[in-house]
Amino acid sequence: MDLSFGCGPAMVCGRRIVIAVPPVFVDVDTGIDDALALIYLLASDADLVGIACTGGNIEVDQVCANNLGVLELCCAADIPVSKGADEPLSGRWPDHPKFHGPKGLGYAELPPTGRRLTGHDATAAWVQAAHRHAGELVGLVTGPLTNLALALRAEPELPRLLRRLVIMGGVFAGQDRGAEWNIRVDPEAAGEVLAGWAGRHQLPIVCGLDLTRRVAMTPDPRQGECG
């Protein structure tokens, strides 16, 4: 399976070449981890073309504010941010976890911003981005799959339109006592998305707890970086 995403300048046989940077659309419930992911995606080896917001780690209105604030903090370009679901496909979210703090970013205070949300919701944002970058778009979901499930209902051709789908979620049976958060809070959405991609030549890349728990930010390295 080809897992490459493309990159920026590279050297081949001593010559500098430029490889196309992939357009990336992200769907996030921005707590601390997703904020860090956004910062990485603002680097030059990705082209962040849109952000969908979903409830999960925190209420969706706060997720929207966090995303706009992170973009402002990073002096990022005017990347479209769209509000999405604040409830799963059925039922309600469980109580929001406390480890992300009262506003999802610990106790960090983001700068004020004049940035505004788009005039359309996250479902439309997914569909528009997929058509605008047909065959090239990399979709990345690091929160519940609710927005993507709704987008798949609106546009069943999404699996064909996306170049690749990457999901942070899930856990192998027997490796953890509980279910992984992103899947647990909206299992119906996860089921619809995985069913929509079933049988496709380019199956989603699903990064479960077996992978994400290998990546840790411990106090000592962080303090060293911050002085």
Protein backbone atom coordinates (compact mmCIF):
# COMPACT_ATOMS: atom_id res chain seq x y z
CA MET A 1 0.00 0.00 0.00
CA ASP A 2 1.29 3.43 -0.92
CA LEU A 3 1.30 5.50 2.28
CA SER A 4 3.16 8.49 0.86
CA PHE A 5 1.58 11.92 1.11
CA GLY A 6 3.98 13.86 -1.11
CA CYS A 7 6.41 16.50 0.12
CA GLY A 8 8.11 19.75 -0.69
CA PRO A 9 11.59 20.23 -2.19
CA ALA A 10 13.74 17.09 -2.48
CA MET A 11 17.11 16.11 -3.93
CA VAL A 12 17.27 13.42 -6.63
CA CYS A 13 20.64 12.60 -8.22
CA GLY A 14 21.96 15.91 -6.94
CA ARG A 15 19.15 17.94 -8.49
CA ARG A 16 16.53 19.87 -6.58
CA ILE A 17 12.98 18.90 -7.56
CA VAL A 18 9.62 19.95 -6.21
CA ILE A 19 7.01 17.31 -5.48
CA ALA A 20 3.37 18.36 -5.31
CA VAL A 21 2.15 19.11 -1.79
CA PRO A 22 -1.14 17.33 -1.06
CA PRO A 23 -4.29 19.24 -0.13
CA VAL A 24 -5.43 18.14 3.34
CA PHE A 25 -8.87 18.58 4.89
CA VAL A 26 -9.10 17.92 8.63
CA ASP A 27 -12.03 17.14 10.91
CA VAL A 28 -11.16 17.83 14.53
CA ASP A 29 -12.60 18.19 18.04
CA THR A 30 -9.74 20.43 19.02
CA GLY A 31 -8.35 19.70 22.39
CA ILE A 32 -4.63 19.77 23.11
CA ASP A 33 -3.69 16.92 20.75
CA ASP A 34 -5.64 18.24 17.78
CA ALA A 35 -4.23 21.74 18.30
CA LEU A 36 -0.73 20.28 17.96
CA ALA A 37 -1.83 18.41 14.84
CA LEU A 38 -3.07 21.66 13.29
CA ILE A 39 0.25 23.35 14.02
CA TYR A 40 2.13 20.53 12.28
CA LEU A 41 -0.23 20.73 9.30
CA LEU A 42 0.59 24.41 8.88
CA ALA A 43 4.13 23.41 7.90
CA SER A 44 5.22 23.68 4.29
CA ASP A 45 4.86 19.98 3.45
CA ALA A 46 1.05 20.05 3.62
CA ASP A 47 -1.59 22.31 2.13
CA LEU A 48 -4.34 22.67 4.73
CA VAL A 49 -7.42 23.59 2.69
CA GLY A 50 -10.17 23.35 5.30
CA ILE A 51 -11.09 22.53 8.88
CA ALA A 52 -14.31 20.90 10.06
CA CYS A 53 -15.25 21.20 13.73
CA THR A 54 -17.06 18.58 15.76
CA GLY A 55 -17.95 18.23 19.40
CA GLY A 56 -16.15 15.54 21.35
CA ASN A 57 -13.33 16.67 23.59
CA ILE A 58 -15.31 19.87 24.21
CA GLU A 59 -18.51 21.51 22.91
CA VAL A 60 -18.45 22.33 19.21
CA ASP A 61 -18.67 26.11 19.70
CA GLN A 62 -15.50 25.97 21.80
CA VAL A 63 -13.86 23.72 19.21
CA CYS A 64 -14.59 26.40 16.59
CA ALA A 65 -13.09 29.10 18.79
CA ASN A 66 -10.02 26.96 19.46
CA ASN A 67 -9.40 26.34 15.76
CA LEU A 68 -9.77 30.01 14.86
CA GLY A 69 -7.49 30.94 17.76
CA VAL A 70 -4.78 28.45 16.76
CA LEU A 71 -4.79 29.81 13.21
CA GLU A 72 -4.47 33.35 14.57
CA LEU A 73 -1.66 32.35 16.94
CA CYS A 74 0.26 30.79 14.05
CA CYS A 75 -0.36 33.76 11.72
CA ALA A 76 -1.83 31.25 9.29
CA ALA A 77 -3.52 32.04 6.02
CA ASP A 78 -7.28 32.45 5.94
CA ILE A 79 -8.10 28.73 6.06
CA PRO A 80 -11.86 27.99 6.01
CA VAL A 81 -13.24 26.70 9.32
CA SER A 82 -16.75 25.20 9.36
CA LYS A 83 -18.95 24.29 12.31
CA GLY A 84 -20.20 20.73 12.43
CA ALA A 85 -22.04 18.32 14.68
CA ASP A 86 -22.48 18.87 18.39
CA GLU A 87 -24.28 15.56 18.88
CA PRO A 88 -23.60 12.03 17.64
CA LEU A 89 -25.89 10.46 15.05
CA SER A 90 -27.98 9.05 17.87
CA GLY A 91 -28.12 9.97 21.54
CA ARG A 92 -25.81 12.47 23.17
CA TRP A 93 -22.09 12.77 23.81
CA PRO A 94 -20.93 11.32 27.10
CA ASP A 95 -19.55 13.82 29.59
CA HIS A 96 -16.63 15.67 28.05
CA PRO A 97 -13.30 14.44 29.46
CA LYS A 98 -11.63 16.80 31.92
CA PHE A 99 -8.01 16.25 30.91
CA HIS A 100 -8.23 18.86 28.13
CA GLY A 101 -9.19 21.59 30.60
CA PRO A 102 -12.28 23.83 30.69
CA LYS A 103 -11.81 25.13 27.12
CA GLY A 104 -10.10 22.14 25.57
CA LEU A 105 -6.57 23.58 25.51
CA GLY A 106 -5.59 23.09 29.11
CA TYR A 107 -5.44 26.58 30.56
CA ALA A 108 -3.88 28.25 27.53
CA GLU A 109 -5.33 31.60 26.50
CA LEU A 110 -5.44 32.10 22.75
CA PRO A 111 -5.18 35.58 21.22
CA PRO A 112 -8.36 37.37 20.14
CA THR A 113 -9.14 37.04 16.47
CA GLY A 114 -11.37 38.60 13.87
CA ARG A 115 -11.51 35.34 11.94
CA ARG A 116 -14.99 33.99 11.27
CA LEU A 117 -16.53 30.64 10.44
CA THR A 118 -17.69 29.87 6.92
CA GLY A 119 -21.35 30.31 6.06
CA HIS A 120 -21.81 26.57 5.50
CA ASP A 121 -21.62 23.59 7.83
CA ALA A 122 -18.98 20.89 8.05
CA THR A 123 -20.99 18.47 5.91
CA ALA A 124 -20.97 20.91 3.01
CA ALA A 125 -17.30 21.71 3.67
CA TRP A 126 -16.33 18.06 3.25
CA VAL A 127 -18.29 17.71 0.01
CA GLN A 128 -17.04 20.99 -1.47
CA ALA A 129 -13.40 20.22 -0.66
CA ALA A 130 -13.70 16.70 -2.12
CA HIS A 131 -15.08 18.04 -5.40
CA ARG A 132 -12.66 20.96 -5.55
CA HIS A 133 -9.67 18.63 -5.11
CA ALA A 134 -11.10 15.47 -6.66
CA GLY A 135 -8.63 12.61 -6.64
CA GLU A 136 -6.06 14.61 -4.65
CA LEU A 137 -7.61 15.39 -1.27
CA VAL A 138 -6.32 13.69 1.86
CA GLY A 139 -9.01 13.60 4.55
CA LEU A 140 -7.83 13.42 8.16
CA VAL A 141 -10.24 12.82 11.05
CA THR A 142 -8.91 13.10 14.60
CA GLY A 143 -12.27 13.37 16.35
CA PRO A 144 -15.60 11.54 16.16
CA LEU A 145 -16.64 10.56 12.64
CA THR A 146 -20.03 12.28 12.79
CA ASN A 147 -19.34 15.03 10.25
CA LEU A 148 -17.85 12.61 7.75
CA ALA A 149 -20.79 10.21 8.11
CA LEU A 150 -23.20 13.05 7.38
CA ALA A 151 -21.09 14.12 4.41
CA LEU A 152 -21.11 10.55 3.10
CA ARG A 153 -24.90 10.54 3.28
CA ALA A 154 -24.96 13.78 1.29
CA GLU A 155 -22.35 12.62 -1.25
CA PRO A 156 -21.98 8.82 -1.50
CA GLU A 157 -19.10 9.29 -3.97
CA LEU A 158 -16.76 10.67 -1.29
CA PRO A 159 -14.66 7.48 -1.14
CA ARG A 160 -13.98 7.82 -4.87
CA LEU A 161 -13.30 11.55 -4.68
CA LEU A 162 -10.74 11.37 -1.85
CA ARG A 163 -7.19 10.32 -2.55
CA ARG A 164 -6.85 8.94 0.94
CA LEU A 165 -8.66 8.91 4.30
CA VAL A 166 -6.78 8.78 7.60
CA ILE A 167 -8.66 8.17 10.85
CA MET A 168 -7.39 8.46 14.41
CA GLY A 169 -9.54 5.98 16.27
CA GLY A 170 -10.17 2.46 17.43
CA VAL A 171 -8.36 -0.18 19.43
CA PHE A 172 -7.62 -3.84 18.80
CA ALA A 173 -9.67 -6.22 20.92
CA GLY A 174 -7.87 -7.26 24.08
CA GLN A 175 -5.35 -4.40 23.98
CA ASP A 176 -7.34 -2.02 26.15
CA ARG A 177 -10.02 -2.37 28.80
CA GLY A 178 -12.24 0.26 27.22
CA ALA A 179 -13.20 1.52 23.79
CA GLU A 180 -11.26 4.32 22.13
CA TRP A 181 -12.96 7.72 22.59
CA ASN A 182 -13.50 8.81 18.97
CA ILE A 183 -15.22 5.55 18.06
CA ARG A 184 -17.02 5.05 21.36
CA VAL A 185 -18.84 8.39 21.34
CA ASP A 186 -20.38 7.80 17.89
CA PRO A 187 -20.11 4.15 16.86
CA GLU A 188 -22.93 4.54 14.32
CA ALA A 189 -20.96 7.21 12.46
CA ALA A 190 -17.83 5.06 12.50
CA GLY A 191 -19.83 2.14 11.15
CA GLU A 192 -21.27 4.19 8.29
CA VAL A 193 -17.88 5.58 7.30
CA LEU A 194 -16.10 2.22 7.35
CA ALA A 195 -18.96 0.62 5.43
CA GLY A 196 -18.78 3.40 2.85
CA TRP A 197 -15.10 2.67 2.22
CA ALA A 198 -15.47 -1.13 2.31
CA GLY A 199 -14.23 -2.84 -0.82
CA ARG A 200 -12.45 0.25 -2.11
CA HIS A 201 -8.96 -0.14 -3.53
CA GLN A 202 -7.76 2.60 -1.17
CA LEU A 203 -8.98 1.61 2.28
CA PRO A 204 -8.75 4.14 5.14
CA ILE A 205 -5.60 4.26 7.22
CA VAL A 206 -6.87 3.77 10.78
CA CYS A 207 -4.46 4.79 13.55
CA GLY A 208 -5.60 3.10 16.74
CA LEU A 209 -4.41 3.30 20.32
CA ASP A 210 -1.65 0.80 19.52
CA LEU A 211 -0.06 3.58 17.46
CA THR A 212 -1.10 6.81 19.14
CA ARG A 213 0.04 5.68 22.60
CA ARG A 214 3.57 5.27 21.29
CA VAL A 215 3.81 9.02 20.72
CA ALA A 216 4.28 10.81 24.03
CA MET A 217 5.15 14.35 25.08
CA THR A 218 6.71 14.15 28.52
CA PRO A 219 7.50 17.15 30.76
CA ASP A 220 11.30 17.09 30.47
CA PRO A 221 11.62 17.47 26.66
CA ARG A 222 8.87 20.07 26.62
CA GLN A 223 10.56 22.13 29.33
CA GLY A 224 13.84 21.90 27.43
CA GLU A 225 12.24 23.27 24.29
CA CYS A 226 10.52 26.09 26.15
CA GLY A 227 13.57 27.03 28.22
